[in-house]
N, C-alpha and C. Protein backbone atom coordinates (compact mmCIF):
# COMPACT_ATOMS: atom_id res chain seq x y z
N UNK A 1 -120.72 82.29 -33.30
CA UNK A 1 -119.16 80.91 -33.67
C UNK A 1 -117.18 81.31 -33.91
N UNK A 2 -117.33 80.34 -33.12
CA UNK A 2 -115.98 80.24 -32.60
C UNK A 2 -115.27 79.62 -34.23
N UNK A 3 -114.02 80.37 -34.03
CA UNK A 3 -112.85 79.93 -35.33
C UNK A 3 -111.82 80.50 -34.79
N UNK A 4 -110.59 79.81 -36.19
CA UNK A 4 -109.55 79.95 -35.39
C UNK A 4 -109.18 80.61 -35.91
N UNK A 5 -108.32 82.20 -35.54
CA UNK A 5 -107.85 83.15 -36.50
C UNK A 5 -106.27 83.21 -36.27
N UNK A 6 -105.77 84.18 -37.06
CA UNK A 6 -104.06 84.68 -36.90
C UNK A 6 -103.75 84.79 -35.94
N UNK A 7 -102.98 84.53 -35.31
CA UNK A 7 -102.13 85.83 -33.87
C UNK A 7 -101.76 87.06 -34.09
N UNK A 8 -101.03 87.30 -35.43
CA UNK A 8 -100.97 88.84 -36.24
C UNK A 8 -102.56 89.21 -36.09
N UNK A 9 -103.16 88.78 -36.45
CA UNK A 9 -104.34 89.31 -37.04
C UNK A 9 -105.79 90.22 -35.80
N UNK A 10 -104.83 89.05 -34.40
CA UNK A 10 -105.58 89.62 -33.19
C UNK A 10 -104.54 90.56 -32.65
N UNK A 11 -103.68 90.32 -32.39
CA UNK A 11 -102.99 91.81 -32.03
C UNK A 11 -103.24 92.94 -32.77
N UNK A 12 -103.08 93.25 -34.20
CA UNK A 12 -103.47 94.22 -34.82
C UNK A 12 -104.73 94.50 -35.09
N UNK A 13 -105.80 93.89 -34.57
CA UNK A 13 -107.07 94.30 -34.66
C UNK A 13 -107.47 95.66 -33.77
N UNK A 14 -108.44 96.32 -34.60
CA UNK A 14 -109.28 97.39 -33.81
C UNK A 14 -109.53 97.57 -32.05
N UNK A 15 -110.48 96.18 -32.42
CA UNK A 15 -111.43 95.11 -31.94
C UNK A 15 -110.43 94.86 -30.63
N UNK A 16 -109.25 94.16 -30.67
CA UNK A 16 -108.83 93.22 -29.52
C UNK A 16 -107.61 94.30 -28.58
N UNK A 17 -106.77 95.03 -29.78
CA UNK A 17 -105.03 94.82 -29.23
C UNK A 17 -105.68 96.24 -27.86
N UNK A 18 -106.62 97.02 -27.86
CA UNK A 18 -106.67 97.31 -26.48
C UNK A 18 -106.39 96.36 -25.56
N UNK A 19 -106.68 95.21 -25.35
CA UNK A 19 -106.54 94.78 -24.39
C UNK A 19 -105.41 93.23 -24.21
N UNK A 20 -104.80 93.51 -24.81
CA UNK A 20 -103.37 92.75 -25.44
C UNK A 20 -102.05 93.55 -25.31
N UNK A 21 -101.58 92.96 -25.02
CA UNK A 21 -100.10 93.41 -24.39
C UNK A 21 -99.07 92.56 -25.58
N UNK A 22 -98.86 93.34 -26.66
CA UNK A 22 -98.01 92.70 -27.70
C UNK A 22 -97.12 92.17 -27.30
N UNK A 23 -96.10 92.28 -26.47
CA UNK A 23 -94.81 91.27 -27.18
C UNK A 23 -94.96 90.54 -25.69
N UNK A 24 -96.26 90.27 -24.56
CA UNK A 24 -96.87 89.33 -24.13
C UNK A 24 -97.00 88.01 -24.49
N UNK A 25 -98.00 88.41 -25.84
CA UNK A 25 -98.52 87.60 -26.23
C UNK A 25 -97.48 86.78 -27.30
N UNK A 26 -96.47 87.74 -28.12
CA UNK A 26 -95.67 86.88 -28.52
C UNK A 26 -94.65 86.08 -27.31
N UNK A 27 -94.26 86.73 -26.45
CA UNK A 27 -93.69 85.70 -25.73
C UNK A 27 -94.33 84.35 -25.00
N UNK A 28 -95.72 84.33 -24.83
CA UNK A 28 -96.85 83.53 -24.64
C UNK A 28 -96.77 81.92 -25.84
N UNK A 29 -96.72 82.85 -27.22
CA UNK A 29 -97.10 81.62 -27.63
C UNK A 29 -95.90 81.01 -28.36
N UNK A 30 -94.34 81.75 -27.78
CA UNK A 30 -93.55 80.86 -28.79
C UNK A 30 -92.90 79.99 -27.34
N UNK A 31 -93.55 79.67 -26.07
CA UNK A 31 -93.88 78.86 -25.14
C UNK A 31 -93.95 77.99 -25.73
N UNK A 32 -95.59 77.40 -26.65
CA UNK A 32 -95.90 76.55 -26.67
C UNK A 32 -96.19 76.74 -28.04
N UNK A 33 -95.62 76.51 -29.59
CA UNK A 33 -95.51 77.25 -30.90
C UNK A 33 -97.16 76.24 -31.32
N UNK A 34 -97.35 75.37 -31.09
CA UNK A 34 -98.97 74.48 -31.11
C UNK A 34 -99.65 75.19 -30.57
N UNK A 35 -99.92 76.45 -29.26
CA UNK A 35 -101.25 77.43 -29.33
C UNK A 35 -101.36 77.32 -30.17
N UNK A 36 -102.98 77.85 -30.36
CA UNK A 36 -103.81 78.10 -31.60
C UNK A 36 -104.71 79.72 -30.96
N UNK A 37 -105.02 80.63 -31.64
CA UNK A 37 -105.39 81.77 -31.27
C UNK A 37 -107.00 81.64 -32.10
N UNK A 38 -108.39 81.99 -31.00
CA UNK A 38 -109.53 81.56 -31.55
C UNK A 38 -110.02 83.04 -31.74
N UNK A 39 -110.75 82.73 -32.07
CA UNK A 39 -112.29 84.35 -31.72
C UNK A 39 -113.81 83.71 -32.15
N UNK A 40 -113.87 84.57 -30.78
CA UNK A 40 -115.87 83.60 -30.94
C UNK A 40 -116.47 84.82 -30.74
N UNK A 41 -117.88 85.11 -31.95
CA UNK A 41 -118.40 86.17 -32.18
C UNK A 41 -120.00 85.60 -30.76
N UNK A 42 -120.09 86.55 -30.50
CA UNK A 42 -121.32 86.12 -29.49
C UNK A 42 -122.52 87.02 -29.26
N UNK A 43 -123.67 87.25 -30.06
CA UNK A 43 -124.81 88.20 -29.20
C UNK A 43 -125.24 87.94 -28.39
N UNK A 44 -125.20 88.81 -27.35
CA UNK A 44 -125.90 88.65 -26.28
C UNK A 44 -126.70 89.90 -25.49
N UNK A 45 -127.11 89.31 -24.42
CA UNK A 45 -128.45 90.87 -24.21
C UNK A 45 -127.74 92.12 -23.18
N UNK A 46 -128.96 93.19 -23.49
CA UNK A 46 -128.32 94.10 -22.62
C UNK A 46 -127.76 94.52 -21.51
N UNK A 47 -128.56 93.48 -20.39
CA UNK A 47 -127.90 92.94 -19.15
C UNK A 47 -126.17 92.67 -18.72
N UNK A 48 -126.11 91.50 -19.55
CA UNK A 48 -125.00 90.47 -19.76
C UNK A 48 -123.78 91.40 -20.52
N UNK A 49 -123.81 92.14 -21.55
CA UNK A 49 -122.86 92.77 -21.87
C UNK A 49 -122.42 94.21 -21.29
N UNK A 50 -124.00 94.90 -20.73
CA UNK A 50 -123.40 95.84 -19.29
C UNK A 50 -122.71 95.64 -18.43
N UNK A 51 -122.46 94.34 -17.90
CA UNK A 51 -121.83 93.93 -16.84
C UNK A 51 -120.24 93.32 -17.13
N UNK A 52 -120.13 92.96 -18.49
CA UNK A 52 -118.78 93.02 -19.11
C UNK A 52 -118.24 94.44 -19.06
N UNK A 53 -119.08 95.21 -19.61
CA UNK A 53 -118.51 96.32 -20.07
C UNK A 53 -118.07 97.23 -19.43
N UNK A 54 -119.00 97.42 -17.84
CA UNK A 54 -118.84 97.98 -16.98
C UNK A 54 -117.93 97.25 -15.83
N UNK A 55 -117.08 96.46 -16.05
CA UNK A 55 -115.84 95.65 -16.06
C UNK A 55 -114.62 96.00 -16.58
N UNK A 56 -114.77 95.93 -17.99
CA UNK A 56 -113.37 96.32 -18.74
C UNK A 56 -113.49 97.49 -19.27
N UNK A 57 -114.24 98.36 -19.08
CA UNK A 57 -114.28 99.82 -20.41
C UNK A 57 -115.01 101.11 -19.03
N UNK A 58 -115.55 100.47 -18.14
CA UNK A 58 -116.09 102.23 -17.30
C UNK A 58 -115.00 102.16 -15.73
N UNK A 59 -115.48 100.85 -15.27
CA UNK A 59 -114.25 100.65 -14.17
C UNK A 59 -112.59 100.50 -14.70
N UNK A 60 -112.06 99.80 -15.60
CA UNK A 60 -111.62 99.51 -15.75
C UNK A 60 -110.51 98.23 -15.13
N UNK A 61 -111.21 97.02 -14.97
CA UNK A 61 -110.28 96.48 -13.59
C UNK A 61 -110.26 95.39 -14.10
N UNK A 62 -110.05 94.96 -15.03
CA UNK A 62 -110.02 93.81 -15.78
C UNK A 62 -109.69 93.82 -17.56
N UNK A 63 -108.44 93.02 -17.98
CA UNK A 63 -108.26 93.04 -19.09
C UNK A 63 -107.98 91.76 -20.65
N UNK A 64 -108.33 91.04 -19.29
CA UNK A 64 -109.20 89.96 -19.95
C UNK A 64 -109.29 88.99 -18.34
N UNK A 65 -108.92 87.71 -18.75
CA UNK A 65 -109.03 86.48 -17.45
C UNK A 65 -108.72 85.06 -18.36
N UNK A 66 -108.31 84.26 -16.70
CA UNK A 66 -107.61 83.14 -17.21
C UNK A 66 -108.11 81.58 -17.23
N UNK A 67 -108.09 80.89 -18.11
CA UNK A 67 -109.19 80.28 -18.12
C UNK A 67 -108.51 78.30 -17.43
N UNK A 68 -108.58 77.77 -16.33
CA UNK A 68 -107.53 77.18 -15.96
C UNK A 68 -107.96 75.53 -16.03
N UNK A 69 -107.61 74.58 -17.22
CA UNK A 69 -107.83 73.19 -17.10
C UNK A 69 -106.81 72.72 -16.25
N UNK A 70 -107.05 72.26 -15.23
CA UNK A 70 -105.71 71.36 -14.32
C UNK A 70 -106.11 69.90 -14.02
N UNK A 71 -105.35 69.35 -14.07
CA UNK A 71 -105.29 68.17 -14.55
C UNK A 71 -104.54 67.00 -13.22
N UNK A 72 -105.70 65.66 -13.19
CA UNK A 72 -105.23 64.99 -11.47
C UNK A 72 -103.64 64.10 -12.56
N UNK A 73 -103.92 63.16 -11.55
CA UNK A 73 -102.76 62.03 -12.28
C UNK A 73 -103.26 61.41 -13.34
N UNK A 74 -104.77 61.35 -13.10
CA UNK A 74 -105.58 60.66 -14.08
C UNK A 74 -105.74 61.01 -14.80
N UNK A 75 -105.40 62.42 -15.56
CA UNK A 75 -105.98 63.14 -16.73
C UNK A 75 -106.98 63.69 -16.33
N UNK A 76 -107.85 63.54 -15.53
CA UNK A 76 -109.23 64.39 -15.27
C UNK A 76 -109.12 65.52 -15.01
N UNK A 77 -109.60 66.15 -15.63
CA UNK A 77 -110.41 67.48 -15.61
C UNK A 77 -110.78 68.15 -13.91
N UNK A 78 -109.92 69.29 -13.46
CA UNK A 78 -111.10 69.73 -12.16
C UNK A 78 -112.09 70.99 -12.57
N UNK A 79 -113.03 70.31 -12.67
CA UNK A 79 -114.62 71.52 -12.68
C UNK A 79 -115.44 71.88 -10.99
N UNK A 80 -116.01 73.02 -11.19
CA UNK A 80 -116.42 73.17 -9.95
C UNK A 80 -117.73 74.35 -9.86
N UNK A 81 -118.65 74.89 -9.09
CA UNK A 81 -119.72 74.76 -9.00
C UNK A 81 -119.86 76.55 -8.00
N UNK A 82 -120.97 76.97 -7.84
CA UNK A 82 -121.28 77.33 -6.71
C UNK A 82 -122.48 77.24 -6.47
N UNK A 83 -122.93 78.05 -5.35
CA UNK A 83 -124.21 77.68 -4.62
C UNK A 83 -125.39 78.49 -5.98
N UNK A 84 -125.31 80.05 -6.56
CA UNK A 84 -125.71 80.55 -7.34
C UNK A 84 -126.54 79.87 -8.78
N UNK A 85 -125.34 78.70 -8.70
CA UNK A 85 -125.25 78.39 -10.26
C UNK A 85 -126.60 77.07 -10.51
N UNK A 86 -127.37 77.22 -11.87
CA UNK A 86 -128.50 76.55 -11.72
C UNK A 86 -128.22 75.00 -11.78
N UNK A 87 -128.84 74.38 -10.74
CA UNK A 87 -128.60 72.72 -10.37
C UNK A 87 -128.12 71.69 -11.55
N UNK A 88 -126.89 71.10 -11.25
CA UNK A 88 -126.20 70.13 -12.24
C UNK A 88 -125.18 71.23 -12.95
N UNK A 89 -124.78 72.33 -13.16
CA UNK A 89 -124.01 73.20 -14.23
C UNK A 89 -123.02 73.28 -13.36
N UNK A 90 -121.64 72.77 -13.86
CA UNK A 90 -120.73 72.88 -13.74
C UNK A 90 -119.35 73.32 -14.51
N UNK A 91 -118.18 73.63 -14.24
CA UNK A 91 -117.39 74.77 -15.83
C UNK A 91 -115.60 74.06 -15.01
N UNK A 92 -114.98 74.45 -16.20
CA UNK A 92 -113.05 74.49 -15.29
C UNK A 92 -113.19 76.04 -14.74
N UNK A 93 -112.42 76.89 -13.44
CA UNK A 93 -112.50 77.59 -12.82
C UNK A 93 -111.87 78.66 -14.27
N UNK A 94 -111.99 79.77 -13.77
CA UNK A 94 -111.95 81.20 -14.01
C UNK A 94 -111.77 82.46 -13.40
N UNK A 95 -110.94 82.85 -13.98
CA UNK A 95 -110.39 84.59 -12.91
C UNK A 95 -110.18 85.35 -13.51
N UNK A 96 -110.40 86.62 -13.39
CA UNK A 96 -110.21 88.12 -13.99
C UNK A 96 -108.53 87.54 -13.90
N UNK A 97 -108.00 88.42 -14.42
CA UNK A 97 -106.47 89.45 -15.05
C UNK A 97 -106.36 90.74 -14.36
N UNK A 98 -106.05 92.25 -13.49
CA UNK A 98 -105.83 93.29 -13.21
C UNK A 98 -105.60 93.42 -14.45
N UNK A 99 -105.97 94.67 -14.53
CA UNK A 99 -105.54 95.83 -15.55
C UNK A 99 -104.05 95.35 -15.55
N UNK A 100 -103.65 95.82 -14.36
CA UNK A 100 -101.77 95.80 -14.31
C UNK A 100 -100.99 94.89 -14.38
N UNK A 101 -102.25 93.42 -14.88
CA UNK A 101 -101.16 92.59 -14.33
C UNK A 101 -101.42 91.60 -15.17
N UNK A 102 -99.93 90.81 -15.11
CA UNK A 102 -98.84 90.30 -16.54
C UNK A 102 -100.28 88.21 -16.49
N UNK A 103 -100.56 88.07 -17.50
CA UNK A 103 -101.23 86.71 -17.55
C UNK A 103 -100.30 85.97 -16.84
N UNK A 104 -99.34 85.75 -16.74
CA UNK A 104 -99.13 84.47 -16.05
C UNK A 104 -98.55 85.26 -14.65
N UNK A 105 -98.64 86.10 -13.85
CA UNK A 105 -98.90 86.12 -12.71
C UNK A 105 -100.36 86.00 -12.40
N UNK A 106 -101.01 86.61 -12.72
CA UNK A 106 -102.58 86.53 -12.88
C UNK A 106 -103.14 85.09 -12.81
N UNK A 107 -102.56 83.98 -14.13
CA UNK A 107 -102.19 82.81 -13.42
C UNK A 107 -102.52 81.57 -12.37
N UNK A 108 -101.24 82.31 -12.16
CA UNK A 108 -100.58 81.72 -10.50
C UNK A 108 -101.67 82.25 -9.24
N UNK A 109 -102.11 83.45 -9.11
CA UNK A 109 -102.78 84.01 -8.51
C UNK A 109 -104.31 83.51 -8.35
N UNK A 110 -104.66 83.72 -9.52
CA UNK A 110 -106.35 82.81 -9.53
C UNK A 110 -105.96 81.19 -9.45
N UNK A 111 -104.81 80.77 -9.86
CA UNK A 111 -105.12 79.05 -9.33
C UNK A 111 -105.04 78.74 -8.10
N UNK A 112 -103.99 79.39 -7.22
CA UNK A 112 -104.33 79.87 -6.06
C UNK A 112 -105.49 79.84 -4.84
N UNK A 113 -106.00 81.28 -5.51
CA UNK A 113 -107.31 82.11 -5.08
C UNK A 113 -108.51 80.69 -4.92
N UNK A 114 -108.69 80.08 -6.33
CA UNK A 114 -110.18 79.33 -6.19
C UNK A 114 -109.58 77.89 -5.87
N UNK A 115 -108.29 77.23 -5.99
CA UNK A 115 -108.34 75.77 -5.72
C UNK A 115 -107.51 75.59 -4.90
N UNK A 116 -106.64 76.94 -4.24
CA UNK A 116 -105.30 76.26 -3.56
C UNK A 116 -104.36 75.91 -3.69
N UNK A 117 -103.79 75.67 -5.42
CA UNK A 117 -103.11 75.09 -5.69
C UNK A 117 -102.32 75.70 -6.42
N UNK A 118 -101.04 74.99 -6.45
CA UNK A 118 -99.58 75.97 -6.85
C UNK A 118 -99.47 75.10 -8.24
N UNK A 119 -99.15 75.74 -9.30
CA UNK A 119 -98.46 74.48 -10.75
C UNK A 119 -97.10 74.09 -10.34
N UNK A 120 -97.24 72.91 -10.61
CA UNK A 120 -96.10 72.10 -10.49
C UNK A 120 -95.15 72.77 -11.89
N UNK A 121 -96.25 72.92 -13.20
CA UNK A 121 -96.09 73.00 -14.67
C UNK A 121 -97.63 73.52 -15.05
N UNK A 122 -97.32 74.51 -16.09
CA UNK A 122 -98.34 74.40 -16.69
C UNK A 122 -97.99 75.03 -18.29
N UNK A 123 -98.69 74.51 -19.75
CA UNK A 123 -98.77 74.94 -20.35
C UNK A 123 -99.55 76.08 -21.13
N UNK A 124 -99.26 76.57 -21.85
CA UNK A 124 -100.45 78.12 -22.57
C UNK A 124 -101.26 76.91 -23.57
N UNK A 125 -102.32 76.93 -23.81
CA UNK A 125 -102.72 75.83 -24.94
C UNK A 125 -103.30 77.00 -25.39
N UNK A 126 -104.11 77.99 -25.36
CA UNK A 126 -105.22 78.51 -26.43
C UNK A 126 -105.17 80.38 -26.09
N UNK A 127 -105.50 81.59 -27.04
CA UNK A 127 -106.42 82.03 -26.45
C UNK A 127 -107.13 82.80 -27.14
N UNK A 128 -108.19 82.89 -26.50
CA UNK A 128 -108.79 83.05 -27.00
C UNK A 128 -110.16 84.62 -26.99
N UNK A 129 -110.51 84.59 -27.95
CA UNK A 129 -110.95 86.59 -28.35
C UNK A 129 -112.58 86.63 -27.70
N UNK A 130 -113.22 86.99 -26.88
CA UNK A 130 -114.39 86.85 -27.17
C UNK A 130 -114.97 88.49 -28.24
N UNK A 131 -115.74 88.59 -29.09
CA UNK A 131 -116.15 89.56 -29.99
C UNK A 131 -118.09 89.57 -29.00
N UNK A 132 -118.38 90.50 -27.68
CA UNK A 132 -119.67 90.31 -27.31
C UNK A 132 -120.24 91.47 -28.87
N UNK A 133 -121.24 91.41 -28.73
CA UNK A 133 -122.16 92.03 -29.76
C UNK A 133 -123.07 92.45 -29.20
N UNK A 134 -123.58 93.44 -29.61
CA UNK A 134 -125.72 94.09 -28.17
C UNK A 134 -125.71 94.99 -29.64
N UNK A 135 -126.96 94.57 -30.35
CA UNK A 135 -126.82 95.92 -31.32
C UNK A 135 -126.36 96.47 -32.03
N UNK A 136 -126.24 97.78 -31.80
CA UNK A 136 -124.90 98.56 -32.67
C UNK A 136 -123.81 98.99 -31.60
N UNK A 137 -123.53 97.29 -31.17
CA UNK A 137 -122.18 97.81 -29.78
C UNK A 137 -121.72 96.59 -30.20
N UNK A 138 -120.72 96.87 -29.90
CA UNK A 138 -119.47 95.79 -29.48
C UNK A 138 -118.39 95.57 -28.37
N UNK A 139 -117.42 94.69 -28.07
CA UNK A 139 -116.44 94.60 -27.18
C UNK A 139 -115.94 93.20 -26.69
N UNK A 140 -114.08 93.69 -26.43
CA UNK A 140 -113.67 92.42 -26.70
C UNK A 140 -113.29 92.26 -25.25
N UNK A 141 -112.80 90.62 -25.13
CA UNK A 141 -112.51 90.45 -23.95
C UNK A 141 -111.36 88.79 -24.20
N UNK A 142 -110.46 89.05 -23.75
CA UNK A 142 -109.62 88.10 -24.09
C UNK A 142 -109.82 87.12 -23.04
N UNK A 143 -109.53 85.84 -23.38
CA UNK A 143 -109.11 84.74 -21.83
C UNK A 143 -108.25 84.04 -22.71
N UNK A 144 -107.51 83.33 -21.73
CA UNK A 144 -106.05 83.04 -21.62
C UNK A 144 -106.12 81.66 -20.84
N UNK A 145 -106.39 80.40 -22.25
CA UNK A 145 -106.78 79.53 -21.79
C UNK A 145 -105.10 78.31 -21.37
N UNK A 146 -105.15 77.80 -20.15
CA UNK A 146 -104.02 77.23 -19.76
C UNK A 146 -104.12 75.32 -19.45
N UNK A 147 -103.41 75.29 -19.64
CA UNK A 147 -103.31 73.53 -18.87
C UNK A 147 -102.31 73.53 -17.89
N UNK A 148 -102.77 72.62 -16.69
CA UNK A 148 -101.99 72.67 -15.27
C UNK A 148 -101.71 71.96 -14.85
N UNK A 149 -100.85 71.35 -14.10
CA UNK A 149 -100.68 69.75 -13.73
C UNK A 149 -99.98 70.91 -11.63
N UNK A 150 -100.92 70.34 -11.17
CA UNK A 150 -101.25 71.06 -9.77
C UNK A 150 -100.14 70.05 -8.53
N UNK A 151 -99.95 70.85 -7.80
CA UNK A 151 -98.80 69.93 -6.28
C UNK A 151 -100.09 69.49 -5.87
N UNK A 152 -101.28 69.69 -6.22
CA UNK A 152 -102.37 68.61 -4.97
C UNK A 152 -103.58 68.43 -6.11
N UNK A 153 -103.43 67.65 -5.03
CA UNK A 153 -105.22 66.66 -6.06
C UNK A 153 -106.61 66.68 -5.44
N UNK A 154 -106.19 68.02 -4.52
CA UNK A 154 -107.07 67.95 -3.22
C UNK A 154 -107.91 69.49 -2.78
N UNK A 155 -108.39 70.36 -3.95
CA UNK A 155 -108.69 71.86 -3.71
C UNK A 155 -109.58 71.66 -3.09
N UNK A 156 -109.15 73.13 -2.25
CA UNK A 156 -109.91 73.96 -1.53
C UNK A 156 -109.21 75.92 -1.66
N UNK A 157 -110.44 75.97 -1.63
CA UNK A 157 -110.08 77.79 -1.78
C UNK A 157 -109.35 78.53 -1.24
N UNK A 158 -108.79 79.39 -1.42
CA UNK A 158 -107.63 80.35 -0.54
C UNK A 158 -108.22 81.28 -0.22
N UNK A 159 -109.57 81.83 -1.70
CA UNK A 159 -110.05 82.83 -0.91
C UNK A 159 -111.56 82.62 -0.81
N UNK A 160 -112.35 83.19 -0.16
CA UNK A 160 -114.31 82.83 0.43
C UNK A 160 -114.22 83.36 -1.05
N UNK A 161 -114.32 84.68 -1.29
CA UNK A 161 -115.27 85.09 -1.33
C UNK A 161 -115.53 84.57 -3.06
N UNK A 162 -114.37 83.57 -3.09
CA UNK A 162 -115.40 82.95 -4.57
C UNK A 162 -116.33 82.11 -5.25
N UNK A 163 -116.57 82.16 -3.73
CA UNK A 163 -118.01 81.11 -3.37
C UNK A 163 -118.01 79.64 -3.99
N UNK A 164 -117.44 79.04 -4.61
CA UNK A 164 -117.16 77.71 -4.41
C UNK A 164 -117.29 77.00 -3.82
N UNK A 165 -118.36 76.54 -4.12
CA UNK A 165 -118.98 75.28 -3.11
C UNK A 165 -118.92 73.57 -3.33
N UNK A 166 -118.60 73.53 -4.55
CA UNK A 166 -117.64 72.26 -4.78
C UNK A 166 -117.25 72.03 -5.83
N UNK A 167 -116.24 70.99 -5.71
CA UNK A 167 -115.32 70.55 -7.20
C UNK A 167 -115.39 69.65 -7.08
N UNK A 168 -115.42 68.95 -8.72
CA UNK A 168 -115.33 67.86 -9.16
C UNK A 168 -114.49 67.41 -9.86
N UNK A 169 -114.17 66.13 -9.95
CA UNK A 169 -112.55 65.70 -10.82
C UNK A 169 -112.98 64.67 -12.33
N UNK A 170 -113.75 65.10 -13.58
CA UNK A 170 -114.20 64.43 -14.41
C UNK A 170 -113.58 64.10 -15.84
N UNK A 171 -113.59 63.06 -16.08
CA UNK A 171 -112.85 62.40 -17.30
C UNK A 171 -113.14 63.76 -18.89
N UNK A 172 -112.57 63.48 -19.85
CA UNK A 172 -112.77 64.66 -20.74
C UNK A 172 -113.41 63.81 -21.88
N UNK A 173 -114.21 62.69 -21.55
CA UNK A 173 -115.10 62.38 -22.03
C UNK A 173 -116.46 62.46 -21.75
N UNK A 174 -116.44 62.43 -20.08
CA UNK A 174 -117.61 62.92 -19.47
C UNK A 174 -117.56 64.59 -19.90
N UNK A 175 -116.62 65.46 -20.30
CA UNK A 175 -116.80 66.86 -20.32
C UNK A 175 -117.80 67.72 -21.48
N UNK A 176 -117.99 66.38 -22.55
CA UNK A 176 -119.33 66.70 -23.36
C UNK A 176 -121.02 66.93 -22.39
N UNK A 177 -120.53 66.01 -21.93
CA UNK A 177 -122.41 65.96 -21.28
C UNK A 177 -122.32 67.44 -20.70
N UNK A 178 -121.11 67.30 -19.62
CA UNK A 178 -121.33 69.04 -18.98
C UNK A 178 -121.36 70.33 -20.24
N UNK A 179 -120.84 70.04 -21.29
CA UNK A 179 -121.29 71.17 -22.25
C UNK A 179 -122.40 71.37 -22.79
N UNK A 180 -123.06 70.43 -22.74
CA UNK A 180 -124.53 69.57 -22.90
C UNK A 180 -125.31 70.87 -22.26
N UNK A 181 -124.76 70.95 -20.81
CA UNK A 181 -126.38 71.63 -19.51
C UNK A 181 -125.42 72.92 -20.00
N UNK A 182 -124.67 73.47 -20.14
CA UNK A 182 -124.10 74.92 -20.47
C UNK A 182 -125.03 75.38 -21.40
N UNK A 183 -125.09 74.56 -22.55
CA UNK A 183 -125.74 75.16 -24.10
C UNK A 183 -126.95 75.21 -23.38
N UNK A 184 -127.65 74.68 -22.85
CA UNK A 184 -129.65 74.21 -22.21
C UNK A 184 -129.94 75.59 -21.60
N UNK A 185 -129.24 75.68 -21.01
CA UNK A 185 -129.71 76.87 -20.45
C UNK A 185 -130.13 78.01 -21.23
N UNK A 186 -131.26 78.09 -20.65
CA UNK A 186 -131.73 79.82 -22.07
C UNK A 186 -132.50 80.40 -21.28
N UNK A 187 -132.25 80.57 -19.60
CA UNK A 187 -132.95 81.77 -19.03
C UNK A 187 -132.33 82.98 -19.72
N UNK A 188 -133.00 83.91 -18.68
CA UNK A 188 -132.53 85.49 -19.30
C UNK A 188 -131.09 86.08 -18.61
N UNK A 189 -131.17 84.90 -17.19
CA UNK A 189 -130.28 85.46 -16.39
C UNK A 189 -128.74 84.78 -17.09
N UNK A 190 -129.40 83.21 -17.06
CA UNK A 190 -128.01 81.96 -17.53
C UNK A 190 -128.10 81.92 -18.98
N UNK A 191 -128.83 82.27 -20.02
CA UNK A 191 -128.53 81.90 -21.37
C UNK A 191 -127.03 82.10 -21.87
N UNK A 192 -126.74 83.85 -21.59
CA UNK A 192 -125.82 84.26 -22.40
C UNK A 192 -124.37 83.95 -21.54
N UNK A 193 -124.95 83.47 -19.96
CA UNK A 193 -123.51 83.21 -19.78
C UNK A 193 -123.02 81.53 -19.83
N UNK A 194 -124.19 80.30 -20.02
CA UNK A 194 -124.14 79.32 -20.39
C UNK A 194 -122.92 79.32 -21.91
N UNK A 195 -123.60 80.05 -22.98
CA UNK A 195 -122.56 80.14 -24.10
C UNK A 195 -120.99 80.48 -24.17
N UNK A 196 -121.09 81.92 -22.84
CA UNK A 196 -119.77 81.78 -22.80
C UNK A 196 -118.80 81.01 -22.50
N UNK A 197 -119.78 80.88 -21.23
CA UNK A 197 -118.56 79.83 -20.51
C UNK A 197 -118.14 78.72 -21.02
N UNK A 198 -119.31 78.19 -22.38
CA UNK A 198 -118.54 76.32 -22.54
C UNK A 198 -117.35 76.55 -23.46
N UNK A 199 -117.12 77.57 -24.30
CA UNK A 199 -116.23 78.03 -24.90
C UNK A 199 -114.89 77.21 -25.00
N UNK A 200 -114.45 77.68 -23.97
CA UNK A 200 -113.06 77.57 -23.59
C UNK A 200 -113.41 75.41 -23.51
N UNK A 201 -114.27 75.17 -23.21
CA UNK A 201 -114.17 73.34 -22.79
C UNK A 201 -114.85 73.15 -24.08
N UNK A 202 -115.31 74.07 -25.39
CA UNK A 202 -115.21 73.48 -26.50
C UNK A 202 -113.57 72.93 -27.17
N UNK A 203 -112.67 74.10 -26.89
CA UNK A 203 -111.55 74.70 -27.63
C UNK A 203 -110.76 73.51 -27.34
N UNK A 204 -110.78 73.20 -25.28
CA UNK A 204 -110.18 72.08 -25.04
C UNK A 204 -110.04 71.13 -26.00
N UNK A 205 -111.90 70.85 -25.97
CA UNK A 205 -111.90 69.32 -27.08
C UNK A 205 -111.49 69.40 -28.23
N UNK A 206 -111.36 70.57 -29.24
CA UNK A 206 -111.26 70.72 -30.21
C UNK A 206 -112.26 71.04 -31.13
N UNK A 207 -113.62 71.43 -30.28
CA UNK A 207 -114.56 71.73 -31.15
C UNK A 207 -115.25 72.54 -31.21
N UNK A 208 -114.14 73.16 -32.94
CA UNK A 208 -114.35 74.63 -33.04
C UNK A 208 -114.38 74.70 -34.48
N UNK A 209 -113.99 75.96 -35.05
CA UNK A 209 -114.46 75.51 -36.23
C UNK A 209 -113.29 76.63 -36.81
N UNK A 210 -112.17 75.94 -38.11
CA UNK A 210 -110.88 76.67 -38.53
C UNK A 210 -111.71 77.18 -39.55
N UNK A 211 -111.04 78.46 -39.90
CA UNK A 211 -111.32 79.65 -41.30
C UNK A 211 -111.07 78.71 -42.33
N UNK A 212 -110.49 77.69 -42.54
CA UNK A 212 -109.99 76.74 -43.65
C UNK A 212 -111.07 75.66 -44.31
N UNK A 213 -112.41 75.44 -42.86
CA UNK A 213 -113.27 74.58 -42.93
C UNK A 213 -114.75 75.02 -42.84
N UNK A 214 -114.64 76.74 -42.76
CA UNK A 214 -115.98 77.27 -43.16
C UNK A 214 -116.10 77.59 -44.38
């Protein structure tokens, strides 16, 4: 379930605060007072939980990710796919924030590595706090969602290791069909992945639950 929460609750949360830089969060929300904070609680399998734990806790390689809502001059959204994704599955680009890296630096770096773009303008859209559950274990993972106006409309990865095999510009209306495909993934390898990757799409579309609506 994805729900809207208070920024102050996120910063003070024992689960989340170890990956959040308090002053940075405050400054990000100052840049866009209309930005919201969300928490998404997901039960995930042993293998997927283990992968995230290795990145965040064991190797300490990341302290979160950026999710990039890149818009062209027609207000279409940039999606991408990779050769090992299930057939027909696309999503918005995301990328990890290094353990010692500022969010804005990570956003600009990942945008360039995945698309070759530089941001002409950007807007902090939302903070998404994943709450991964597995048996009696839990793990937090923050995702910073940005809306971006790029300096080009012809994406080309600057980093071949991203393994991006295709880009697609889609309308906001068509994004619901993209979400349906992510929700429909139910194999042991892709089921949890689809549940995680669809949430930034749904936040962008406004399809989340507010605490006041529960």
